[in-house]
Amino acid sequence: MTRVNELIALLNAYVESDPRLEIWRNYPDINDEDDVYTDSWACEQVSAEFAAFARSNGWDAVVLRGENPEAPMAFDHVWVRLTRD
């Protein structure tokens, strides 16, 4: 299995591990109620949970945070850097 396929499998397994994550598969095409929900369960918490999930599946996962971007779509953003081997 290629690294890309391994990553796709990891992401799919993570989304399948918690029904609430389905919202992120559909984002940004979500309704107003779901949009409000993502404000309370957004990238920082989901990234931390995903990093823990990835680590439990053999990946090295680091949560990264960016603040005050030059061309902001938000004030900050959090994501996960994955490496393996």
Protein backbone atom coordinates (compact mmCIF):
# COMPACT_ATOMS: atom_id res chain seq x y z
CA MET A 1 0.00 0.00 0.00
CA THR A 2 1.40 3.42 -0.92
CA ARG A 3 1.73 6.19 1.66
CA VAL A 4 -1.13 8.08 0.03
CA ASN A 5 -3.37 5.04 0.33
CA GLU A 6 -2.25 4.53 3.94
CA LEU A 7 -3.14 8.14 4.70
CA ILE A 8 -6.54 7.82 3.01
CA ALA A 9 -7.21 4.65 5.01
CA LEU A 10 -6.20 6.43 8.24
CA LEU A 11 -8.49 9.39 7.53
CA ASN A 12 -11.41 7.15 6.60
CA ALA A 13 -10.91 5.03 9.74
CA TYR A 14 -10.85 8.18 11.86
CA VAL A 15 -14.06 9.56 10.35
CA GLU A 16 -15.73 6.18 10.79
CA SER A 17 -14.63 6.08 14.46
CA ASP A 18 -16.97 8.91 15.48
CA PRO A 19 -20.25 9.74 13.70
CA ARG A 20 -19.82 13.43 14.57
CA LEU A 21 -16.91 13.59 12.13
CA GLU A 22 -19.19 13.13 9.13
CA ILE A 23 -19.83 16.87 9.35
CA TRP A 24 -16.24 17.52 8.25
CA ARG A 25 -16.63 15.32 5.16
CA ASN A 26 -19.40 17.62 4.00
CA TYR A 27 -17.84 20.94 5.03
CA PRO A 28 -18.39 23.66 3.84
CA ASP A 29 -21.66 22.37 2.38
CA ILE A 30 -23.45 22.15 5.73
CA ASN A 31 -26.57 23.72 7.17
CA ASP A 32 -26.60 26.64 9.63
CA GLU A 33 -27.11 24.41 12.66
CA ASP A 34 -24.10 22.28 11.74
CA ASP A 35 -22.05 25.41 11.08
CA VAL A 36 -22.74 26.63 14.62
CA TYR A 37 -21.76 23.17 15.91
CA THR A 38 -18.40 23.34 14.14
CA ASP A 39 -17.68 26.56 16.02
CA SER A 40 -17.76 24.63 19.29
CA TRP A 41 -16.00 21.51 17.96
CA ALA A 42 -13.57 22.94 15.49
CA CYS A 43 -10.08 22.39 14.18
CA GLU A 44 -8.17 22.56 17.48
CA GLN A 45 -10.12 19.83 19.26
CA VAL A 46 -10.58 17.68 16.15
CA SER A 47 -6.89 18.00 15.27
CA ALA A 48 -5.83 16.91 18.75
CA GLU A 49 -8.21 13.95 18.62
CA PHE A 50 -7.02 13.00 15.14
CA ALA A 51 -3.36 13.22 16.20
CA ALA A 52 -4.05 10.85 19.10
CA PHE A 53 -5.89 8.48 16.76
CA ALA A 54 -3.02 8.60 14.25
CA ARG A 55 -0.45 7.88 16.98
CA SER A 56 -2.49 4.89 18.13
CA ASN A 57 -2.28 3.63 14.56
CA GLY A 58 1.50 3.88 14.25
CA TRP A 59 1.92 7.39 12.84
CA ASP A 60 4.03 10.19 14.25
CA ALA A 61 1.56 13.06 14.60
CA VAL A 62 2.26 16.64 15.63
CA VAL A 63 -0.45 19.25 16.12
CA LEU A 64 0.50 22.59 14.55
CA ARG A 65 -1.15 25.96 15.11
CA GLY A 66 -0.98 29.03 12.91
CA GLU A 67 -2.15 32.44 14.06
CA ASN A 68 -2.71 35.85 12.45
CA PRO A 69 -2.27 34.84 8.79
CA GLU A 70 -1.60 37.46 6.12
CA ALA A 71 -4.74 36.54 4.17
CA PRO A 72 -7.04 35.25 6.91
CA MET A 73 -10.11 33.11 6.45
CA ALA A 74 -9.97 32.73 10.24
CA PHE A 75 -7.86 34.19 13.02
CA ASP A 76 -6.06 30.91 13.49
CA HIS A 77 -6.00 27.37 12.23
CA VAL A 78 -4.81 24.07 13.62
CA TRP A 79 -3.77 21.03 11.63
CA VAL A 80 -1.81 17.79 12.02
CA ARG A 81 1.52 16.93 10.43
CA LEU A 82 1.87 13.19 9.90
CA THR A 83 5.03 11.21 9.31
CA ARG A 84 5.77 7.54 9.37
CA ASP A 85 9.05 5.63 9.36
